[in-house]
């Protein structure tokens, strides 16, 4: 069952409907257009509700749409920059607050799975907005890959605050 506390693109569309949400390869999508693409993609994941679905690094636009579609469908994205078995996730019950799971790079040993939860990020976004005075900023970009926690943090921060995210 999808958590009530999950990131909700639908509520952002109601606030920021025709504002630019995302620019990829010189094409800009509004919040409404992005939502429609996510809704279409989410249909592929509906029958898997409550499951962890691996999302391997792909082209930025496809990655963003699929990441948001997995969330929209009530599932948990498992973000990895390389293919890895996810058999350890079968029949596992996850905390409903979890936004996504990721995989460390393994530079200090074996790669480890980490979780990010929506409520902590939401609180952090509100603090970032206040501390860095992001209200007047219209565009946000990251140099970090989207398959990293920092890359996804920047993407979701931008969308949550009604900014335009530039994907590389």
N, C-alpha and C. Protein backbone atom coordinates (compact mmCIF):
# COMPACT_ATOMS: atom_id res chain seq x y z
N UNK A 1 0.83 -1.18 0.00
CA UNK A 1 0.00 0.00 0.00
C UNK A 1 0.88 1.25 0.00
N UNK A 2 0.55 2.20 -0.82
CA UNK A 2 1.35 3.42 -0.94
C UNK A 2 1.17 4.29 0.30
N UNK A 3 2.26 4.78 0.80
CA UNK A 3 2.26 5.62 1.99
C UNK A 3 1.64 6.98 1.68
N UNK A 4 0.94 7.53 2.65
CA UNK A 4 0.40 8.88 2.53
C UNK A 4 1.52 9.91 2.59
N UNK A 5 2.66 9.52 3.10
CA UNK A 5 3.76 10.45 3.28
C UNK A 5 4.74 10.45 2.11
N UNK A 6 4.48 9.68 1.09
CA UNK A 6 5.37 9.62 -0.06
C UNK A 6 5.37 10.96 -0.79
N UNK A 7 6.45 11.19 -1.48
CA UNK A 7 6.56 12.34 -2.38
C UNK A 7 5.39 12.28 -3.36
N UNK A 8 4.65 13.36 -3.50
CA UNK A 8 3.47 13.37 -4.36
C UNK A 8 3.63 14.36 -5.51
N UNK A 9 3.93 13.84 -6.68
CA UNK A 9 4.03 14.69 -7.86
C UNK A 9 2.68 15.32 -8.17
N UNK A 10 1.62 14.58 -7.91
CA UNK A 10 0.27 15.09 -8.18
C UNK A 10 -0.02 16.38 -7.42
N UNK A 11 0.37 16.45 -6.15
CA UNK A 11 0.13 17.68 -5.38
C UNK A 11 0.99 18.82 -5.89
N UNK A 12 2.18 18.50 -6.39
CA UNK A 12 3.03 19.55 -6.95
C UNK A 12 2.44 20.10 -8.25
N UNK A 13 1.82 19.24 -9.04
CA UNK A 13 1.18 19.68 -10.27
C UNK A 13 0.04 20.65 -9.94
N UNK A 14 -0.69 20.37 -8.88
CA UNK A 14 -1.79 21.28 -8.53
C UNK A 14 -1.27 22.66 -8.11
N UNK A 15 -0.04 22.72 -7.59
CA UNK A 15 0.56 24.01 -7.20
C UNK A 15 1.28 24.70 -8.36
N UNK A 16 2.00 23.91 -9.17
CA UNK A 16 2.93 24.49 -10.15
C UNK A 16 2.59 24.13 -11.60
N UNK A 17 1.40 23.70 -11.86
CA UNK A 17 0.90 23.18 -13.13
C UNK A 17 1.71 23.51 -14.39
N UNK A 18 1.72 24.74 -14.82
CA UNK A 18 2.34 25.08 -16.09
C UNK A 18 3.72 25.73 -15.95
N UNK A 19 4.27 25.70 -14.74
CA UNK A 19 5.64 26.17 -14.56
C UNK A 19 6.59 25.14 -15.13
N UNK A 20 7.75 25.56 -15.61
CA UNK A 20 8.74 24.60 -16.09
C UNK A 20 9.26 23.74 -14.93
N UNK A 21 9.31 22.45 -15.14
CA UNK A 21 9.75 21.51 -14.10
C UNK A 21 11.11 20.92 -14.42
N UNK A 22 11.36 20.70 -15.69
CA UNK A 22 12.52 19.91 -16.08
C UNK A 22 12.99 20.31 -17.47
N UNK A 23 14.30 20.49 -17.60
CA UNK A 23 14.89 20.71 -18.92
C UNK A 23 15.92 19.63 -19.15
N UNK A 24 15.75 18.91 -20.26
CA UNK A 24 16.67 17.85 -20.67
C UNK A 24 16.95 18.05 -22.15
N UNK A 25 18.22 18.12 -22.49
CA UNK A 25 18.63 18.24 -23.90
C UNK A 25 17.84 19.34 -24.63
N UNK A 26 17.77 20.48 -24.02
CA UNK A 26 17.13 21.67 -24.58
C UNK A 26 15.61 21.57 -24.73
N UNK A 27 15.00 20.54 -24.16
CA UNK A 27 13.54 20.41 -24.15
C UNK A 27 13.07 20.63 -22.72
N UNK A 28 12.09 21.51 -22.58
CA UNK A 28 11.56 21.81 -21.25
C UNK A 28 10.16 21.23 -21.12
N UNK A 29 9.90 20.65 -19.95
CA UNK A 29 8.62 20.04 -19.63
C UNK A 29 8.03 20.78 -18.44
N UNK A 30 6.74 21.07 -18.50
CA UNK A 30 6.07 21.68 -17.36
C UNK A 30 5.76 20.59 -16.33
N UNK A 31 5.34 21.00 -15.15
CA UNK A 31 4.94 20.03 -14.13
C UNK A 31 3.81 19.16 -14.66
N UNK A 32 2.85 19.76 -15.38
CA UNK A 32 1.74 18.99 -15.93
C UNK A 32 2.22 17.98 -16.96
N UNK A 33 3.09 18.39 -17.86
CA UNK A 33 3.61 17.47 -18.88
C UNK A 33 4.41 16.34 -18.25
N UNK A 34 5.24 16.68 -17.27
CA UNK A 34 6.01 15.64 -16.58
C UNK A 34 5.08 14.67 -15.88
N UNK A 35 4.05 15.17 -15.22
CA UNK A 35 3.09 14.32 -14.53
C UNK A 35 2.40 13.36 -15.50
N UNK A 36 2.00 13.84 -16.66
CA UNK A 36 1.35 12.98 -17.65
C UNK A 36 2.29 11.87 -18.13
N UNK A 37 3.55 12.20 -18.34
CA UNK A 37 4.53 11.18 -18.74
C UNK A 37 4.74 10.16 -17.62
N UNK A 38 4.78 10.63 -16.39
CA UNK A 38 4.96 9.75 -15.24
C UNK A 38 3.74 8.84 -15.09
N UNK A 39 2.54 9.40 -15.25
CA UNK A 39 1.31 8.60 -15.14
C UNK A 39 1.32 7.46 -16.16
N UNK A 40 1.70 7.76 -17.37
CA UNK A 40 1.77 6.73 -18.43
C UNK A 40 2.79 5.66 -18.06
N UNK A 41 3.97 6.08 -17.62
CA UNK A 41 5.02 5.12 -17.25
C UNK A 41 4.63 4.30 -16.02
N UNK A 42 3.88 4.89 -15.09
CA UNK A 42 3.50 4.21 -13.85
C UNK A 42 2.62 2.99 -14.11
N UNK A 43 1.92 2.97 -15.22
CA UNK A 43 1.06 1.82 -15.54
C UNK A 43 1.86 0.52 -15.64
N UNK A 44 3.13 0.63 -16.04
CA UNK A 44 3.98 -0.57 -16.14
C UNK A 44 4.29 -1.17 -14.77
N UNK A 45 4.17 -0.37 -13.71
CA UNK A 45 4.56 -0.82 -12.37
C UNK A 45 3.37 -1.06 -11.43
N UNK A 46 2.16 -0.79 -11.86
CA UNK A 46 0.97 -0.87 -10.99
C UNK A 46 0.76 -2.24 -10.39
N UNK A 47 0.98 -3.31 -11.15
CA UNK A 47 0.72 -4.67 -10.65
C UNK A 47 1.77 -5.15 -9.66
N UNK A 48 2.79 -4.35 -9.43
CA UNK A 48 3.87 -4.73 -8.53
C UNK A 48 3.83 -3.93 -7.24
N UNK A 49 2.72 -3.33 -6.92
CA UNK A 49 2.60 -2.39 -5.80
C UNK A 49 3.22 -2.91 -4.51
N UNK A 50 4.03 -2.04 -3.86
CA UNK A 50 4.68 -2.38 -2.61
C UNK A 50 6.01 -3.09 -2.77
N UNK A 51 6.47 -3.26 -3.99
CA UNK A 51 7.72 -3.97 -4.25
C UNK A 51 8.89 -3.01 -4.47
N UNK A 52 10.06 -3.55 -4.33
CA UNK A 52 11.28 -2.83 -4.67
C UNK A 52 11.57 -3.11 -6.13
N UNK A 53 11.75 -2.04 -6.92
CA UNK A 53 12.01 -2.19 -8.36
C UNK A 53 13.35 -1.54 -8.68
N UNK A 54 14.24 -2.34 -9.23
CA UNK A 54 15.58 -1.86 -9.56
C UNK A 54 15.51 -0.89 -10.73
N UNK A 55 16.23 0.21 -10.58
CA UNK A 55 16.32 1.23 -11.62
C UNK A 55 17.80 1.49 -11.86
N UNK A 56 18.31 1.01 -12.98
CA UNK A 56 19.73 1.13 -13.30
C UNK A 56 19.93 2.42 -14.10
N UNK A 57 21.09 3.02 -13.92
CA UNK A 57 21.44 4.26 -14.59
C UNK A 57 21.13 4.18 -16.08
N UNK A 58 20.35 5.12 -16.54
CA UNK A 58 19.99 5.22 -17.96
C UNK A 58 20.11 6.68 -18.35
N UNK A 59 19.66 7.00 -19.51
CA UNK A 59 19.60 8.39 -19.96
C UNK A 59 18.78 9.18 -18.94
N UNK A 60 19.19 10.42 -18.65
CA UNK A 60 18.61 11.22 -17.56
C UNK A 60 17.09 11.33 -17.60
N UNK A 61 16.53 11.66 -18.76
CA UNK A 61 15.09 11.86 -18.84
C UNK A 61 14.34 10.57 -18.54
N UNK A 62 14.77 9.48 -19.14
CA UNK A 62 14.13 8.18 -18.89
C UNK A 62 14.25 7.79 -17.42
N UNK A 63 15.42 8.03 -16.85
CA UNK A 63 15.65 7.71 -15.45
C UNK A 63 14.69 8.50 -14.56
N UNK A 64 14.56 9.81 -14.78
CA UNK A 64 13.70 10.66 -13.96
C UNK A 64 12.24 10.20 -14.07
N UNK A 65 11.78 10.00 -15.28
CA UNK A 65 10.38 9.57 -15.48
C UNK A 65 10.13 8.23 -14.80
N UNK A 66 11.03 7.27 -14.97
CA UNK A 66 10.84 5.96 -14.35
C UNK A 66 10.94 6.02 -12.83
N UNK A 67 11.87 6.80 -12.30
CA UNK A 67 11.98 6.96 -10.85
C UNK A 67 10.66 7.49 -10.28
N UNK A 68 10.14 8.55 -10.87
CA UNK A 68 8.89 9.14 -10.40
C UNK A 68 7.71 8.19 -10.63
N UNK A 69 7.73 7.43 -11.73
CA UNK A 69 6.66 6.48 -12.03
C UNK A 69 6.63 5.35 -11.01
N UNK A 70 7.79 4.86 -10.61
CA UNK A 70 7.85 3.81 -9.59
C UNK A 70 7.25 4.32 -8.28
N UNK A 71 7.60 5.55 -7.90
CA UNK A 71 7.01 6.15 -6.69
C UNK A 71 5.50 6.30 -6.85
N UNK A 72 5.08 6.81 -7.99
CA UNK A 72 3.65 7.06 -8.26
C UNK A 72 2.84 5.77 -8.18
N UNK A 73 3.46 4.65 -8.56
CA UNK A 73 2.75 3.37 -8.58
C UNK A 73 2.68 2.70 -7.20
N UNK A 74 3.31 3.32 -6.19
CA UNK A 74 3.27 2.74 -4.85
C UNK A 74 4.38 1.76 -4.58
N UNK A 75 5.41 1.79 -5.39
CA UNK A 75 6.56 0.91 -5.22
C UNK A 75 7.75 1.70 -4.71
N UNK A 76 8.85 1.00 -4.50
CA UNK A 76 10.07 1.60 -3.98
C UNK A 76 11.18 1.47 -5.02
N UNK A 77 11.70 2.58 -5.54
CA UNK A 77 12.83 2.47 -6.47
C UNK A 77 14.10 2.04 -5.74
N UNK A 78 14.82 1.12 -6.33
CA UNK A 78 16.15 0.75 -5.87
C UNK A 78 17.10 1.27 -6.93
N UNK A 79 17.81 2.34 -6.63
CA UNK A 79 18.64 3.05 -7.58
C UNK A 79 20.06 2.49 -7.54
N UNK A 80 20.54 2.06 -8.70
CA UNK A 80 21.90 1.53 -8.78
C UNK A 80 22.55 2.05 -10.05
N UNK A 81 23.84 2.31 -9.97
CA UNK A 81 24.54 2.77 -11.17
C UNK A 81 25.03 1.61 -12.01
N UNK A 82 24.81 0.39 -11.51
CA UNK A 82 25.20 -0.80 -12.26
C UNK A 82 24.23 -1.93 -11.89
N UNK A 83 24.15 -2.94 -12.75
CA UNK A 83 23.24 -4.06 -12.52
C UNK A 83 23.70 -4.86 -11.29
N UNK A 84 22.77 -5.27 -10.47
CA UNK A 84 23.04 -6.09 -9.29
C UNK A 84 21.74 -6.80 -8.93
N UNK A 85 21.85 -8.03 -8.50
CA UNK A 85 20.67 -8.80 -8.16
C UNK A 85 19.91 -8.11 -7.03
N UNK A 86 18.60 -8.12 -7.10
CA UNK A 86 17.81 -7.57 -6.02
C UNK A 86 17.02 -8.68 -5.31
N UNK A 87 17.46 -9.91 -5.45
CA UNK A 87 16.74 -11.04 -4.86
C UNK A 87 16.60 -10.90 -3.35
N UNK A 88 17.49 -10.15 -2.70
CA UNK A 88 17.40 -9.97 -1.26
C UNK A 88 16.19 -9.13 -0.84
N UNK A 89 15.50 -8.51 -1.79
CA UNK A 89 14.34 -7.68 -1.48
C UNK A 89 13.02 -8.43 -1.57
N UNK A 90 13.04 -9.63 -2.07
CA UNK A 90 11.79 -10.37 -2.23
C UNK A 90 11.16 -10.64 -0.86
N UNK A 91 9.84 -10.45 -0.79
CA UNK A 91 9.05 -10.70 0.41
C UNK A 91 9.51 -9.89 1.63
N UNK A 92 10.10 -8.76 1.43
CA UNK A 92 10.54 -7.92 2.53
C UNK A 92 9.54 -6.77 2.71
N UNK A 93 9.18 -6.48 3.94
CA UNK A 93 8.27 -5.37 4.23
C UNK A 93 9.12 -4.15 4.56
N UNK A 94 8.88 -3.07 3.87
CA UNK A 94 9.65 -1.85 4.08
C UNK A 94 8.81 -0.82 4.83
N UNK A 95 9.47 0.01 5.57
CA UNK A 95 8.84 1.13 6.26
C UNK A 95 8.13 1.99 5.23
N UNK A 96 6.91 2.38 5.49
CA UNK A 96 6.13 3.15 4.52
C UNK A 96 6.69 4.55 4.30
N UNK A 97 7.60 4.99 5.15
CA UNK A 97 8.20 6.31 5.00
C UNK A 97 9.32 6.33 3.96
N UNK A 98 9.79 5.16 3.54
CA UNK A 98 10.93 5.10 2.62
C UNK A 98 10.55 5.67 1.27
N UNK A 99 11.41 6.54 0.78
CA UNK A 99 11.22 7.13 -0.54
C UNK A 99 11.89 6.25 -1.59
N UNK A 100 13.16 5.88 -1.35
CA UNK A 100 13.86 5.01 -2.28
C UNK A 100 15.03 4.34 -1.57
N UNK A 101 15.59 3.34 -2.24
CA UNK A 101 16.78 2.66 -1.76
C UNK A 101 17.88 2.90 -2.78
N UNK A 102 19.10 2.94 -2.30
CA UNK A 102 20.23 3.16 -3.19
C UNK A 102 21.36 2.22 -2.85
N UNK A 103 22.40 2.30 -3.63
CA UNK A 103 23.55 1.43 -3.46
C UNK A 103 24.80 2.30 -3.42
N UNK A 104 25.60 2.16 -2.35
CA UNK A 104 26.84 2.91 -2.28
C UNK A 104 27.78 2.43 -3.37
N UNK A 105 28.81 3.21 -3.62
CA UNK A 105 29.76 2.86 -4.69
C UNK A 105 30.67 1.71 -4.31
N UNK A 106 30.83 1.46 -3.03
CA UNK A 106 31.69 0.37 -2.60
C UNK A 106 33.16 0.74 -2.58
N UNK A 107 33.46 2.03 -2.57
CA UNK A 107 34.87 2.45 -2.59
C UNK A 107 35.61 2.06 -1.32
N UNK A 108 34.89 1.83 -0.24
CA UNK A 108 35.53 1.42 1.02
C UNK A 108 35.24 -0.04 1.37
N UNK A 109 34.82 -0.81 0.42
CA UNK A 109 34.47 -2.22 0.66
C UNK A 109 33.35 -2.62 -0.27
N UNK A 110 32.59 -3.61 0.15
CA UNK A 110 31.44 -4.06 -0.64
C UNK A 110 30.38 -2.96 -0.69
N UNK A 111 29.73 -2.76 -1.85
CA UNK A 111 28.63 -1.79 -1.91
C UNK A 111 27.55 -2.14 -0.87
N UNK A 112 26.99 -1.12 -0.25
CA UNK A 112 25.96 -1.32 0.77
C UNK A 112 24.68 -0.61 0.35
N UNK A 113 23.56 -1.19 0.74
CA UNK A 113 22.26 -0.60 0.43
C UNK A 113 21.92 0.42 1.51
N UNK A 114 21.43 1.57 1.09
CA UNK A 114 20.97 2.60 2.02
C UNK A 114 19.53 2.99 1.66
N UNK A 115 18.82 3.56 2.61
CA UNK A 115 17.44 4.01 2.41
C UNK A 115 17.36 5.51 2.66
N UNK A 116 16.50 6.17 1.92
CA UNK A 116 16.19 7.57 2.16
C UNK A 116 14.70 7.66 2.43
N UNK A 117 14.35 8.42 3.44
CA UNK A 117 12.92 8.52 3.75
C UNK A 117 12.38 9.92 3.44
N UNK A 118 11.11 9.93 3.04
CA UNK A 118 10.50 11.16 2.54
C UNK A 118 10.41 12.24 3.61
N UNK A 119 9.99 11.90 4.80
CA UNK A 119 9.79 12.93 5.83
C UNK A 119 11.09 13.66 6.17
N UNK A 120 12.20 12.94 6.27
CA UNK A 120 13.46 13.61 6.59
C UNK A 120 13.89 14.52 5.43
N UNK A 121 13.68 14.07 4.21
CA UNK A 121 14.03 14.93 3.07
C UNK A 121 13.13 16.15 3.03
N UNK A 122 11.84 15.96 3.26
CA UNK A 122 10.90 17.09 3.24
C UNK A 122 11.31 18.14 4.26
N UNK A 123 11.63 17.72 5.47
CA UNK A 123 12.09 18.66 6.50
C UNK A 123 13.37 19.35 6.05
N UNK A 124 14.29 18.58 5.48
CA UNK A 124 15.53 19.14 4.98
C UNK A 124 15.31 20.14 3.85
N UNK A 125 14.37 19.86 2.96
CA UNK A 125 14.07 20.78 1.86
C UNK A 125 13.56 22.10 2.39
N UNK A 126 12.69 22.03 3.39
CA UNK A 126 12.16 23.26 3.99
C UNK A 126 13.28 24.07 4.63
N UNK A 127 14.22 23.38 5.30
CA UNK A 127 15.38 24.06 5.90
C UNK A 127 16.28 24.66 4.82
N UNK A 128 16.55 23.91 3.76
CA UNK A 128 17.38 24.42 2.65
C UNK A 128 16.75 25.66 2.04
N UNK A 129 15.46 25.61 1.84
CA UNK A 129 14.74 26.73 1.23
C UNK A 129 14.92 27.99 2.07
N UNK A 130 14.78 27.83 3.37
CA UNK A 130 14.91 28.97 4.28
C UNK A 130 16.37 29.42 4.41
N UNK A 131 17.27 28.49 4.67
CA UNK A 131 18.67 28.79 4.91
C UNK A 131 19.36 29.41 3.69
N UNK A 132 19.11 28.84 2.51
CA UNK A 132 19.78 29.31 1.30
C UNK A 132 18.92 30.29 0.48
N UNK A 133 17.77 30.68 1.04
CA UNK A 133 16.89 31.67 0.40
C UNK A 133 16.59 31.29 -1.06
N UNK A 134 16.08 30.09 -1.22
CA UNK A 134 15.82 29.55 -2.56
C UNK A 134 14.53 30.08 -3.18
N UNK A 135 13.76 30.84 -2.45
CA UNK A 135 12.49 31.34 -2.96
C UNK A 135 12.67 32.11 -4.27
N UNK A 136 13.71 32.91 -4.36
CA UNK A 136 13.91 33.73 -5.56
C UNK A 136 14.65 32.99 -6.67
N UNK A 137 15.15 31.81 -6.40
CA UNK A 137 15.88 31.01 -7.40
C UNK A 137 14.86 30.27 -8.27
N UNK A 138 15.06 30.29 -9.58
CA UNK A 138 14.11 29.61 -10.48
C UNK A 138 14.62 28.28 -10.99
N UNK A 139 15.94 28.10 -11.05
CA UNK A 139 16.53 26.92 -11.67
C UNK A 139 17.53 26.26 -10.72
N UNK A 140 17.56 24.92 -10.76
CA UNK A 140 18.51 24.16 -9.94
C UNK A 140 19.13 23.07 -10.81
N UNK A 141 20.42 22.85 -10.62
CA UNK A 141 21.15 21.82 -11.37
C UNK A 141 22.12 21.14 -10.41
N UNK A 142 22.50 19.93 -10.72
CA UNK A 142 23.52 19.23 -9.94
C UNK A 142 24.56 18.64 -10.90
N UNK A 143 25.77 18.59 -10.42
CA UNK A 143 26.81 17.92 -11.20
C UNK A 143 26.91 16.45 -10.83
N UNK A 144 26.14 16.05 -9.84
CA UNK A 144 26.17 14.68 -9.35
C UNK A 144 25.25 13.80 -10.20
N UNK A 145 25.66 12.56 -10.48
CA UNK A 145 24.77 11.66 -11.24
C UNK A 145 23.44 11.44 -10.50
N UNK A 146 22.39 11.23 -11.26
CA UNK A 146 21.07 11.01 -10.66
C UNK A 146 21.00 9.71 -9.86
N UNK A 147 21.93 8.80 -10.09
CA UNK A 147 21.92 7.54 -9.34
C UNK A 147 22.56 7.68 -7.97
N UNK A 148 22.97 8.88 -7.60
CA UNK A 148 23.51 9.11 -6.25
C UNK A 148 22.46 9.79 -5.39
N UNK A 149 22.61 9.66 -4.10
CA UNK A 149 21.68 10.30 -3.18
C UNK A 149 21.68 11.82 -3.39
N UNK A 150 22.86 12.41 -3.62
CA UNK A 150 22.94 13.85 -3.85
C UNK A 150 22.21 14.25 -5.12
N UNK A 151 22.39 13.49 -6.20
CA UNK A 151 21.71 13.80 -7.45
C UNK A 151 20.20 13.74 -7.31
N UNK A 152 19.71 12.68 -6.66
CA UNK A 152 18.25 12.56 -6.46
C UNK A 152 17.75 13.61 -5.48
N UNK A 153 18.54 13.92 -4.46
CA UNK A 153 18.15 14.96 -3.50
C UNK A 153 17.93 16.28 -4.24
N UNK A 154 18.85 16.62 -5.14
CA UNK A 154 18.74 17.88 -5.87
C UNK A 154 17.52 17.87 -6.79
N UNK A 155 17.28 16.77 -7.47
CA UNK A 155 16.10 16.65 -8.34
C UNK A 155 14.81 16.84 -7.54
N UNK A 156 14.66 16.08 -6.47
CA UNK A 156 13.42 16.13 -5.69
C UNK A 156 13.28 17.49 -4.98
N UNK A 157 14.39 18.07 -4.50
CA UNK A 157 14.37 19.41 -3.92
C UNK A 157 13.81 20.41 -4.93
N UNK A 158 14.34 20.38 -6.15
CA UNK A 158 13.89 21.30 -7.19
C UNK A 158 12.39 21.14 -7.45
N UNK A 159 11.94 19.91 -7.61
CA UNK A 159 10.52 19.68 -7.89
C UNK A 159 9.65 20.09 -6.71
N UNK A 160 10.06 19.72 -5.51
CA UNK A 160 9.30 20.04 -4.30
C UNK A 160 9.12 21.55 -4.13
N UNK A 161 10.15 22.30 -4.48
CA UNK A 161 10.09 23.76 -4.32
C UNK A 161 9.52 24.49 -5.55
N UNK A 162 9.13 23.73 -6.57
CA UNK A 162 8.54 24.37 -7.76
C UNK A 162 9.57 25.01 -8.66
N UNK A 163 10.77 24.49 -8.64
CA UNK A 163 11.86 25.02 -9.48
C UNK A 163 12.00 24.19 -10.74
N UNK A 164 12.79 24.70 -11.66
CA UNK A 164 13.10 23.93 -12.87
C UNK A 164 14.44 23.23 -12.62
N UNK A 165 14.46 21.91 -12.86
CA UNK A 165 15.67 21.11 -12.70
C UNK A 165 16.28 20.89 -14.07
N UNK A 166 17.57 21.15 -14.18
CA UNK A 166 18.30 20.89 -15.42
C UNK A 166 19.01 19.55 -15.29
N UNK A 167 18.64 18.62 -16.16
CA UNK A 167 19.26 17.29 -16.16
C UNK A 167 20.34 17.24 -17.22
N UNK A 168 21.47 16.73 -16.83
CA UNK A 168 22.60 16.62 -17.77
C UNK A 168 22.55 15.30 -18.49
